[in-house]
Amino acid sequence: MRADLHVHSSASDGTDPPAEVMRRAALAGLDVVALTDHDTVAGHAEALRAVAGPGTPAPALLPGMELSCRLAGPGSPGRQSLHMLAYLFDPGQPELAAELARIRDDRVLRARAMVDKLADLGVAVRWEQVAALAGPAVVGRPHIARAMAASGAIAEPAEAFTRDWIADGGRAYVDRYALDPARAIGLVHAAGGVTVLAHPRSVGYEISDEQIARLAAAGLAGLEVDHPDHAEAERARLRALARDLALVATGGSDDHGALTGHRIGCETTGAHAYHALTARAGRLPG
């Protein structure tokens, strides 16, 4: 069994529509794919229609999302971003739905402010360009990066994520609203789902073993171990930590379509871990 539990579509900052994501997942030989767009489940309906449609046998869809969180407090350098993967929750749960709406609204305000900062730095990017690239999707920094590349300010979108531009702490960076991770865990659990800490050793998202232990005590179910950003030695350390904390060790490609080289299926979760994770939510995807 091969399950990719971390995949993005054009419903947030991926480049491919959900149906195309599911088609590529089938071609990659995946049995399960989790659509985990940032702070939204807007792509799930299209992905489910693709699964039910004729043609190439499709993998099962695990409903998911990647929640924006911010860690503050002991051992944290200021307000540090982290991402929480959530699965099998009820997106209509009132408190969770209200928080997601607040996060998405603030993403727009933040993106507009970043565009204004870029204009002050001489970058010919307009909000209308960014909004057109995002369309109905949740707007994110990759949309701004693509607009910057189209303007000629940078050669490719990846160059935007530096201190010169829109990386955390960069000249055009603007902070935004995000959830405390322990609260995010509680909200997802109250909505019937489970949470996995995403890429805990990716640059800019590093979180200590002690902080992970605190999240485990708050109800975290899993730890994303197999991720393209994680070196083999780091994976071994994370796998041991997951075992010590009774967390499920998962894997996912964090595919964003063309932005990440269409790498869906490059990292996966095996059957034992997949069933251990979904059992904690008490139900499998239908």
Protein backbone atom coordinates (compact mmCIF):
# COMPACT_ATOMS: atom_id res chain seq x y z
CA MET A 1 0.00 0.00 0.00
CA ARG A 2 1.23 3.50 -0.91
CA ALA A 3 -0.50 6.55 0.59
CA ASP A 4 0.71 10.10 -0.07
CA LEU A 5 -0.69 12.05 2.88
CA HIS A 6 0.45 15.57 1.94
CA VAL A 7 -0.63 16.97 -1.44
CA HIS A 8 -1.77 20.41 -2.62
CA SER A 9 -3.98 21.57 -5.48
CA SER A 10 -5.03 24.86 -7.04
CA ALA A 11 -7.59 25.15 -4.25
CA SER A 12 -4.69 26.71 -2.35
CA ASP A 13 -1.14 27.19 -3.65
CA GLY A 14 -0.66 24.15 -5.90
CA THR A 15 -0.71 24.62 -9.66
CA ASP A 16 -3.02 21.74 -10.70
CA PRO A 17 -6.79 21.43 -10.23
CA PRO A 18 -7.92 18.72 -7.79
CA ALA A 19 -9.08 16.41 -10.61
CA GLU A 20 -5.66 16.62 -12.24
CA VAL A 21 -4.01 15.89 -8.89
CA MET A 22 -6.07 12.72 -8.61
CA ARG A 23 -5.18 11.73 -12.19
CA ARG A 24 -1.48 12.14 -11.47
CA ALA A 25 -1.88 10.22 -8.21
CA ALA A 26 -3.34 7.31 -10.16
CA LEU A 27 -0.49 7.41 -12.67
CA ALA A 28 1.98 7.40 -9.76
CA GLY A 29 0.43 4.14 -8.54
CA LEU A 30 -0.90 5.55 -5.28
CA ASP A 31 -3.60 3.70 -3.35
CA VAL A 32 -4.54 6.71 -1.21
CA VAL A 33 -3.98 10.44 -1.58
CA ALA A 34 -4.74 13.09 1.02
CA LEU A 35 -5.67 16.47 -0.43
CA THR A 36 -4.27 18.86 2.18
CA ASP A 37 -4.69 22.36 0.84
CA HIS A 38 -3.86 25.26 3.11
CA ASP A 39 -6.73 26.19 5.44
CA THR A 40 -9.44 24.96 3.06
CA VAL A 41 -11.34 21.88 1.94
CA ALA A 42 -12.61 23.60 -1.22
CA GLY A 43 -10.91 21.06 -3.51
CA HIS A 44 -12.45 17.95 -1.96
CA ALA A 45 -15.68 17.91 -3.99
CA GLU A 46 -13.85 18.04 -7.33
CA ALA A 47 -11.36 15.40 -6.17
CA LEU A 48 -14.21 13.10 -5.12
CA ARG A 49 -15.91 13.52 -8.50
CA ALA A 50 -12.63 12.56 -10.17
CA VAL A 51 -12.40 9.45 -8.01
CA ALA A 52 -15.94 8.44 -8.99
CA GLY A 53 -15.51 9.20 -12.69
CA PRO A 54 -14.58 6.81 -15.51
CA GLY A 55 -11.05 6.23 -16.78
CA THR A 56 -7.86 5.36 -14.94
CA PRO A 57 -8.59 3.61 -11.61
CA ALA A 58 -8.29 6.32 -9.00
CA PRO A 59 -6.79 6.12 -5.51
CA ALA A 60 -8.99 6.63 -2.48
CA LEU A 61 -9.23 10.23 -1.28
CA LEU A 62 -8.39 10.90 2.36
CA PRO A 63 -10.04 14.23 3.23
CA GLY A 64 -7.46 16.57 4.71
CA MET A 65 -6.13 20.08 5.15
CA GLU A 66 -2.92 21.84 6.19
CA LEU A 67 -3.66 24.24 9.03
CA SER A 68 -1.65 27.41 9.56
CA CYS A 69 -0.31 27.58 13.12
CA ARG A 70 2.06 29.78 15.09
CA LEU A 71 4.18 28.62 17.99
CA ALA A 72 5.02 31.06 20.76
CA GLY A 73 6.51 30.55 24.17
CA PRO A 74 9.46 28.72 25.77
CA GLY A 75 11.99 27.40 23.26
CA SER A 76 10.38 29.23 20.36
CA PRO A 77 12.23 32.03 18.52
CA GLY A 78 9.54 34.71 18.60
CA ARG A 79 6.41 33.62 16.74
CA GLN A 80 7.41 30.62 14.68
CA SER A 81 5.27 29.24 11.87
CA LEU A 82 4.37 25.58 11.84
CA HIS A 83 1.90 23.57 9.80
CA MET A 84 -0.54 20.99 11.09
CA LEU A 85 -1.95 18.33 8.78
CA ALA A 86 -5.52 17.40 9.67
CA TYR A 87 -7.54 14.43 8.41
CA LEU A 88 -11.07 13.04 8.61
CA PHE A 89 -12.56 16.02 10.44
CA ASP A 90 -15.96 17.64 9.94
CA PRO A 91 -15.24 20.99 8.21
CA GLY A 92 -18.68 22.23 9.22
CA GLN A 93 -17.93 22.04 12.94
CA PRO A 94 -18.81 25.63 13.94
CA GLU A 95 -15.71 26.63 15.90
CA LEU A 96 -13.29 25.10 13.41
CA ALA A 97 -15.18 26.62 10.46
CA ALA A 98 -15.07 30.06 12.08
CA GLU A 99 -11.32 29.86 12.63
CA LEU A 100 -10.72 28.73 9.05
CA ALA A 101 -12.74 31.67 7.75
CA ARG A 102 -10.71 34.07 9.90
CA ILE A 103 -7.42 32.57 8.64
CA ARG A 104 -8.50 32.81 4.99
CA ASP A 105 -9.71 36.41 5.38
CA ASP A 106 -6.43 37.42 6.99
CA ARG A 107 -4.48 35.75 4.17
CA VAL A 108 -6.05 38.27 1.76
CA LEU A 109 -5.21 41.24 3.99
CA ARG A 110 -1.66 39.99 4.40
CA ALA A 111 -1.16 39.37 0.67
CA ARG A 112 -2.35 42.89 -0.15
CA ALA A 113 0.06 44.34 2.41
CA MET A 114 2.95 42.31 0.96
CA VAL A 115 2.14 43.55 -2.55
CA ASP A 116 2.24 47.12 -1.20
CA LYS A 117 5.65 46.47 0.37
CA LEU A 118 6.96 45.01 -2.88
CA ALA A 119 5.75 48.10 -4.75
CA ASP A 120 7.69 50.26 -2.28
CA LEU A 121 10.75 48.14 -3.13
CA GLY A 122 10.29 48.80 -6.83
CA VAL A 123 8.67 45.49 -7.83
CA ALA A 124 5.99 46.01 -10.47
CA VAL A 125 3.43 43.60 -9.01
CA ARG A 126 -0.21 44.58 -8.54
CA TRP A 127 -2.81 43.00 -6.29
CA GLU A 128 -5.00 42.32 -9.33
CA GLN A 129 -2.25 40.08 -10.77
CA VAL A 130 -1.96 38.09 -7.55
CA ALA A 131 -5.73 37.79 -7.22
CA ALA A 132 -5.99 36.56 -10.82
CA LEU A 133 -3.33 33.89 -10.18
CA ALA A 134 -5.11 32.73 -7.01
CA GLY A 135 -8.59 32.82 -8.56
CA PRO A 136 -11.09 31.35 -6.06
CA ALA A 137 -8.27 29.58 -4.19
CA VAL A 138 -6.88 30.47 -0.79
CA VAL A 139 -4.23 33.09 -1.55
CA GLY A 140 -0.68 32.36 -0.42
CA ARG A 141 2.87 33.53 -0.86
CA PRO A 142 3.44 31.23 -3.88
CA HIS A 143 0.87 33.29 -5.79
CA ILE A 144 2.86 36.45 -5.00
CA ALA A 145 6.08 34.67 -6.00
CA ARG A 146 4.57 33.69 -9.35
CA ALA A 147 3.49 37.29 -9.96
CA MET A 148 6.99 38.49 -9.12
CA ALA A 149 8.49 36.06 -11.64
CA ALA A 150 6.00 37.18 -14.29
CA SER A 151 7.03 40.80 -13.66
CA GLY A 152 10.69 39.97 -14.25
CA ALA A 153 11.76 40.95 -10.72
CA ILE A 154 13.02 37.40 -10.20
CA ALA A 155 13.81 34.57 -12.60
CA GLU A 156 11.65 31.91 -10.93
CA PRO A 157 9.17 31.81 -8.03
CA ALA A 158 11.58 30.05 -5.67
CA GLU A 159 13.78 33.16 -5.63
CA ALA A 160 11.03 35.08 -3.84
CA PHE A 161 11.50 33.05 -0.67
CA THR A 162 14.59 34.87 0.60
CA ARG A 163 15.21 37.61 3.14
CA ASP A 164 15.38 40.04 0.21
CA TRP A 165 11.72 39.42 -0.57
CA ILE A 166 8.92 37.41 1.10
CA ALA A 167 10.59 34.78 3.26
CA ASP A 168 9.79 34.98 6.98
CA GLY A 169 11.40 38.17 8.20
CA GLY A 170 12.07 39.36 4.64
CA ARG A 171 11.83 42.95 3.47
CA ALA A 172 8.32 42.44 2.09
CA TYR A 173 7.12 39.87 4.64
CA VAL A 174 3.93 40.51 6.60
CA ASP A 175 2.77 38.36 9.50
CA ARG A 176 -0.77 37.00 9.62
CA TYR A 177 -3.25 35.31 11.90
CA ALA A 178 -2.58 31.66 12.70
CA LEU A 179 -3.73 29.20 15.34
CA ASP A 180 -1.89 28.11 18.42
CA PRO A 181 -0.96 24.50 17.54
CA ALA A 182 -2.39 22.99 20.72
CA ARG A 183 -5.67 24.76 20.02
CA ALA A 184 -5.61 23.53 16.42
CA ILE A 185 -5.19 19.97 17.67
CA GLY A 186 -8.17 20.44 19.99
CA LEU A 187 -10.36 21.95 17.26
CA VAL A 188 -9.64 19.12 14.83
CA HIS A 189 -10.21 16.51 17.55
CA ALA A 190 -13.54 18.13 18.47
CA ALA A 191 -14.48 17.90 14.78
CA GLY A 192 -13.78 14.15 14.79
CA GLY A 193 -10.37 14.25 13.12
CA VAL A 194 -6.70 13.62 13.76
CA THR A 195 -3.59 15.78 13.39
CA VAL A 196 -0.05 15.21 12.16
CA LEU A 197 2.77 17.74 12.56
CA ALA A 198 3.99 18.61 9.05
CA HIS A 199 7.69 18.70 8.03
CA PRO A 200 9.07 19.49 11.51
CA ARG A 201 12.66 19.81 10.22
CA SER A 202 12.01 21.91 7.10
CA VAL A 203 13.93 25.20 7.05
CA GLY A 204 11.81 27.85 8.76
CA TYR A 205 9.54 25.28 10.38
CA GLU A 206 12.00 23.59 12.75
CA ILE A 207 10.52 22.54 16.05
CA SER A 208 12.39 20.94 18.94
CA ASP A 209 11.82 17.47 20.36
CA GLU A 210 10.56 19.07 23.58
CA GLN A 211 7.98 21.12 21.70
CA ILE A 212 6.84 18.04 19.79
CA ALA A 213 6.45 16.20 23.09
CA ARG A 214 4.19 18.99 24.36
CA LEU A 215 2.04 18.71 21.24
CA ALA A 216 1.86 14.93 21.70
CA ALA A 217 0.58 15.52 25.22
CA ALA A 218 -2.05 17.89 23.73
CA GLY A 219 -3.37 15.09 21.48
CA LEU A 220 -1.18 15.14 18.37
CA ALA A 221 -1.61 11.82 16.55
CA GLY A 222 1.34 11.72 14.14
CA LEU A 223 4.63 13.12 12.93
CA GLU A 224 5.52 13.60 9.27
CA VAL A 225 8.85 11.82 9.05
CA ASP A 226 9.29 11.03 5.35
CA HIS A 227 9.28 14.40 3.59
CA PRO A 228 11.46 15.68 0.71
CA ASP A 229 13.05 18.28 3.01
CA HIS A 230 14.23 15.69 5.55
CA ALA A 231 17.67 14.09 5.26
CA GLU A 232 17.97 10.37 6.04
CA ALA A 233 19.70 10.95 9.39
CA GLU A 234 16.97 13.36 10.45
CA ARG A 235 14.30 10.87 9.42
CA ALA A 236 15.88 8.24 11.66
CA ARG A 237 15.84 10.65 14.61
CA LEU A 238 12.24 11.65 13.97
CA ARG A 239 11.15 8.02 13.60
CA ALA A 240 12.70 7.22 16.98
CA LEU A 241 11.02 10.25 18.53
CA ALA A 242 7.65 9.23 17.08
CA ARG A 243 8.10 5.76 18.56
CA ASP A 244 9.01 7.20 21.99
CA LEU A 245 5.97 9.50 21.98
CA ALA A 246 3.55 6.90 20.56
CA LEU A 247 2.99 9.02 17.44
CA VAL A 248 2.28 7.61 13.98
CA ALA A 249 5.20 8.22 11.61
CA THR A 250 3.81 9.32 8.23
CA GLY A 251 5.13 10.33 4.81
CA GLY A 252 4.00 12.72 2.12
CA SER A 253 5.37 14.43 -0.97
CA ASP A 254 4.13 17.98 -0.15
CA ASP A 255 3.52 18.21 -3.88
CA HIS A 256 2.52 21.62 -5.24
CA GLY A 257 2.40 20.63 -8.91
CA ALA A 258 4.77 22.52 -11.20
CA LEU A 259 6.16 24.51 -8.26
CA THR A 260 7.73 21.35 -6.80
CA GLY A 261 8.37 19.41 -10.00
CA HIS A 262 5.22 17.26 -9.95
CA ARG A 263 6.63 14.97 -7.29
CA ILE A 264 3.40 13.35 -6.06
CA GLY A 265 4.13 9.89 -4.63
CA CYS A 266 7.84 10.54 -4.03
CA GLU A 267 7.24 10.03 -0.28
CA THR A 268 4.52 7.76 1.06
CA THR A 269 2.95 6.19 4.13
CA GLY A 270 2.67 2.41 4.42
CA ALA A 271 -0.39 0.38 5.32
CA HIS A 272 0.41 -0.10 9.02
CA ALA A 273 0.93 3.62 9.68
CA TYR A 274 -2.05 4.61 7.54
CA HIS A 275 -4.45 2.33 9.39
CA ALA A 276 -3.00 3.33 12.76
CA LEU A 277 -3.61 6.99 11.93
CA THR A 278 -7.14 6.62 10.58
CA ALA A 279 -8.08 4.35 13.49
CA ARG A 280 -7.35 7.24 15.84
CA ALA A 281 -10.10 9.19 14.09
CA GLY A 282 -12.38 6.21 14.44
CA ARG A 283 -13.30 5.98 10.78
CA LEU A 284 -11.88 5.38 7.31
CA PRO A 285 -12.65 7.53 4.25
CA GLY A 286 -15.82 6.39 2.56
